[in-house]
């Protein structure tokens, strides 16, 4: 399904929205890699796979995979075809399960996308990164490619039924290597330093104002 959708969806989407994409050469063409992006809209998890030269897996609500009837089957096929992986957000153990899923993806040499802010920004500012991204990078020994997205918050606002044609830009930064750099550093300190380095790179790519605090809004998309 992935091959079928990616033969059709990216060319059509690019023809309609004409996204400005830079830094594609920074994405390793093989091997496990984390794609760490700012988060402005649900559409981010579709835009990145559409413009990326390789398949990028993101997590999506399990509800999208459990619908009934023709609509449910089509929705499931769409999300699976776009590389999405289901996560049950109502499960108290979902966070741990998400980490396990990410490590499985990285372990087989694939790309895994995530948002260090945790949930999308409603005011356009860049919130402080949570250290799960660093934990994954250190555990899997993979590089992190920072990403700065802009325009997706206007692509399909919450009250809009259909996506709008608006300028979108996606900038992929130079890979941040972590393997071997933090040997002998306390784990907590290493995770914090790596996460801050990633968020600094994302801010440079997105140009967002830094909030300086965590985004504690409940995920809604």
Protein backbone atom coordinates (compact mmCIF):
# COMPACT_ATOMS: atom_id res chain seq x y z
CA UNK A 1 0.00 0.00 0.00
CA UNK A 2 2.87 2.36 0.80
CA UNK A 3 4.31 1.97 -2.70
CA UNK A 4 0.89 2.57 -4.28
CA UNK A 5 0.09 5.67 -2.22
CA UNK A 6 3.53 7.18 -2.69
CA UNK A 7 3.26 6.80 -6.42
CA UNK A 8 0.19 9.00 -6.37
CA UNK A 9 -0.03 11.16 -3.23
CA UNK A 10 3.32 13.03 -3.19
CA UNK A 11 3.18 14.20 -6.83
CA UNK A 12 -0.41 15.39 -6.43
CA UNK A 13 0.22 17.08 -3.07
CA UNK A 14 3.36 18.79 -4.35
CA UNK A 15 1.55 20.01 -7.45
CA UNK A 16 -1.24 21.56 -5.35
CA UNK A 17 0.68 22.99 -2.38
CA UNK A 18 4.12 23.43 -3.96
CA UNK A 19 5.95 23.14 -0.64
CA UNK A 20 9.36 24.73 -0.27
CA UNK A 21 11.67 21.92 0.83
CA UNK A 22 15.33 22.30 1.74
CA UNK A 23 17.98 20.02 3.18
CA UNK A 24 16.80 16.70 1.78
CA UNK A 25 20.45 15.75 1.39
CA UNK A 26 20.68 15.73 5.20
CA UNK A 27 18.46 12.65 5.49
CA UNK A 28 20.58 9.47 5.52
CA UNK A 29 19.44 7.24 2.69
CA UNK A 30 19.72 4.10 4.81
CA UNK A 31 19.91 3.02 8.43
CA UNK A 32 17.88 3.99 11.44
CA UNK A 33 17.32 7.71 11.90
CA UNK A 34 15.09 9.94 14.02
CA UNK A 35 13.26 12.77 12.30
CA UNK A 36 12.58 15.35 15.05
CA UNK A 37 10.27 18.19 14.07
CA UNK A 38 8.41 21.12 15.54
CA UNK A 39 4.67 20.49 15.64
CA UNK A 40 2.04 22.91 14.41
CA UNK A 41 -0.68 20.69 12.95
CA UNK A 42 -1.94 17.15 12.52
CA UNK A 43 -0.88 17.63 8.90
CA UNK A 44 2.80 17.61 9.90
CA UNK A 45 2.74 13.81 10.05
CA UNK A 46 1.56 13.74 6.43
CA UNK A 47 3.68 16.56 5.04
CA UNK A 48 7.01 15.12 6.22
CA UNK A 49 6.45 11.64 4.68
CA UNK A 50 5.23 13.26 1.47
CA UNK A 51 8.38 15.33 0.96
CA UNK A 52 10.88 12.85 2.46
CA UNK A 53 12.99 10.73 0.09
CA UNK A 54 12.44 7.72 2.35
CA UNK A 55 9.60 6.24 4.36
CA UNK A 56 9.09 7.91 7.74
CA UNK A 57 6.95 6.26 10.40
CA UNK A 58 4.86 8.39 12.77
CA UNK A 59 2.51 7.35 15.54
CA UNK A 60 -1.22 7.98 15.12
CA UNK A 61 -4.25 7.41 17.34
CA UNK A 62 -5.37 3.80 17.27
CA UNK A 63 -8.90 5.02 16.55
CA UNK A 64 -7.82 5.69 12.98
CA UNK A 65 -7.15 1.98 12.49
CA UNK A 66 -10.28 0.50 14.06
CA UNK A 67 -13.14 2.02 12.06
CA UNK A 68 -15.89 -0.13 10.60
CA UNK A 69 -17.37 -0.41 7.16
CA UNK A 70 -15.91 0.88 3.91
CA UNK A 71 -14.92 4.21 5.45
CA UNK A 72 -13.10 2.48 8.29
CA UNK A 73 -11.21 0.17 5.95
CA UNK A 74 -10.23 3.02 3.66
CA UNK A 75 -9.09 5.13 6.59
CA UNK A 76 -6.99 2.27 7.95
CA UNK A 77 -5.46 1.63 4.54
CA UNK A 78 -4.64 5.33 4.17
CA UNK A 79 -2.86 5.62 7.51
CA UNK A 80 -1.01 2.34 7.09
CA UNK A 81 -0.05 3.32 3.57
CA UNK A 82 1.39 6.60 4.84
CA UNK A 83 3.59 4.71 7.29
CA UNK A 84 1.55 5.51 10.42
CA UNK A 85 1.68 3.19 13.41
CA UNK A 86 -1.22 2.92 15.91
CA UNK A 87 -0.90 3.99 19.54
CA UNK A 88 -3.63 3.80 22.17
CA UNK A 89 -3.52 7.17 23.93
CA UNK A 90 -6.04 6.02 26.53
CA UNK A 91 -3.65 3.30 27.72
CA UNK A 92 -1.59 4.46 30.73
CA UNK A 93 1.32 2.44 29.34
CA UNK A 94 1.08 4.07 25.89
CA UNK A 95 4.21 6.18 26.42
CA UNK A 96 6.34 3.12 27.14
CA UNK A 97 4.73 1.26 24.27
CA UNK A 98 5.53 4.17 21.95
CA UNK A 99 9.20 4.00 22.90
CA UNK A 100 9.25 0.27 22.23
CA UNK A 101 7.61 0.82 18.84
CA UNK A 102 10.12 3.51 17.94
CA UNK A 103 13.08 1.32 18.95
CA UNK A 104 11.68 -1.53 16.85
CA UNK A 105 11.43 0.76 13.80
CA UNK A 106 14.93 2.13 14.33
CA UNK A 107 16.33 -1.34 15.00
CA UNK A 108 15.29 -2.55 11.57
CA UNK A 109 16.98 0.44 9.95
CA UNK A 110 13.95 2.62 9.23
CA UNK A 111 13.16 6.27 9.89
CA UNK A 112 10.95 7.26 12.81
CA UNK A 113 9.38 10.71 13.14
CA UNK A 114 8.45 12.38 16.40
CA UNK A 115 7.77 15.75 17.99
CA UNK A 116 9.97 16.51 21.03
CA UNK A 117 7.45 19.15 22.19
CA UNK A 118 5.02 16.31 22.86
CA UNK A 119 1.96 17.89 21.33
CA UNK A 120 1.28 20.60 18.82
CA UNK A 121 1.74 24.27 19.54
CA UNK A 122 -1.48 26.27 19.54
CA UNK A 123 0.18 29.69 19.67
CA UNK A 124 2.96 29.11 17.16
CA UNK A 125 5.77 29.20 19.70
CA UNK A 126 8.35 26.44 20.06
CA UNK A 127 8.05 24.68 23.39
CA UNK A 128 10.76 22.97 25.39
CA UNK A 129 11.67 19.49 24.19
CA UNK A 130 11.04 16.37 26.23
CA UNK A 131 13.95 14.01 26.57
CA UNK A 132 12.35 10.93 24.99
CA UNK A 133 13.97 11.86 21.67
CA UNK A 134 17.42 11.75 23.29
CA UNK A 135 16.63 8.46 25.03
CA UNK A 136 15.76 6.91 21.68
CA UNK A 137 18.84 8.32 19.95
CA UNK A 138 21.17 7.09 22.68
CA UNK A 139 19.53 3.67 23.03
CA UNK A 140 19.38 2.97 19.30
CA UNK A 141 22.65 4.74 18.50
CA UNK A 142 21.09 6.62 15.59
CA UNK A 143 21.44 10.20 14.33
CA UNK A 144 18.72 12.80 14.72
CA UNK A 145 17.69 14.99 11.79
CA UNK A 146 16.05 18.21 13.06
CA UNK A 147 13.16 19.59 11.03
CA UNK A 148 11.56 23.02 10.93
CA UNK A 149 8.05 23.20 9.45
CA UNK A 150 6.04 26.34 8.82
CA UNK A 151 2.60 26.97 7.34
CA UNK A 152 0.88 23.74 8.34
CA UNK A 153 -1.04 25.51 11.11
CA UNK A 154 -2.89 27.36 8.35
CA UNK A 155 -3.25 24.30 6.12
CA UNK A 156 -6.23 22.83 7.93
CA UNK A 157 -7.31 24.70 11.07
CA UNK A 158 -9.41 22.76 13.57
CA UNK A 159 -12.68 24.24 12.29
CA UNK A 160 -11.88 23.66 8.58
CA UNK A 161 -13.43 20.68 6.80
CA UNK A 162 -10.96 20.72 3.92
CA UNK A 163 -7.29 21.66 3.63
CA UNK A 164 -6.44 25.10 2.30
CA UNK A 165 -3.83 25.94 -0.28
CA UNK A 166 -1.27 27.91 1.72
CA UNK A 167 2.52 28.29 1.56
CA UNK A 168 4.31 25.45 3.36
CA UNK A 169 8.00 25.05 4.00
CA UNK A 170 9.95 22.10 5.36
CA UNK A 171 13.63 22.44 6.25
CA UNK A 172 15.74 19.41 7.16
CA UNK A 173 18.86 20.22 9.18
CA UNK A 174 22.22 18.51 9.42
CA UNK A 175 22.11 15.20 11.32
CA UNK A 176 23.00 15.39 15.00
CA UNK A 177 25.21 12.47 15.94
CA UNK A 178 25.03 11.20 19.51
CA UNK A 179 26.83 7.84 19.44
CA UNK A 180 30.00 7.99 21.52
CA UNK A 181 29.68 11.67 22.37
CA UNK A 182 28.30 11.21 25.86
CA UNK A 183 30.27 8.29 27.19
CA UNK A 184 30.80 8.83 30.92
CA UNK A 185 28.15 11.57 31.15
CA UNK A 186 25.29 10.99 33.60
CA UNK A 187 22.31 9.65 31.60
CA UNK A 188 19.90 12.37 32.72
CA UNK A 189 22.37 15.14 31.91
CA UNK A 190 23.17 13.60 28.53
CA UNK A 191 19.50 13.34 27.58
CA UNK A 192 18.88 16.96 28.55
CA UNK A 193 21.88 18.27 26.64
CA UNK A 194 21.03 16.30 23.51
CA UNK A 195 17.39 17.38 23.62
CA UNK A 196 18.35 21.04 24.02
CA UNK A 197 20.76 20.73 21.08
CA UNK A 198 17.98 19.27 18.95
CA UNK A 199 15.51 22.00 19.94
CA UNK A 200 18.07 24.72 19.20
CA UNK A 201 18.51 23.27 15.72
CA UNK A 202 14.74 23.07 15.18
CA UNK A 203 14.34 26.69 16.26
CA UNK A 204 17.03 27.80 13.80
CA UNK A 205 15.18 25.99 11.01
CA UNK A 206 11.64 27.11 11.92
CA UNK A 207 12.38 30.62 13.14
CA UNK A 208 9.82 30.24 15.92
CA UNK A 209 9.80 32.18 19.14
CA UNK A 210 10.87 29.97 22.02
CA UNK A 211 8.29 29.54 24.78
CA UNK A 212 10.89 28.46 27.33
CA UNK A 213 8.44 26.08 29.02
CA UNK A 214 6.90 22.67 28.32
CA UNK A 215 3.70 22.43 26.33
CA UNK A 216 1.30 20.88 28.81
CA UNK A 217 -1.79 21.07 26.62
CA UNK A 218 -3.49 17.71 26.21
CA UNK A 219 -2.93 16.13 22.77
CA UNK A 220 -5.99 16.55 20.57
CA UNK A 221 -4.79 15.42 17.18
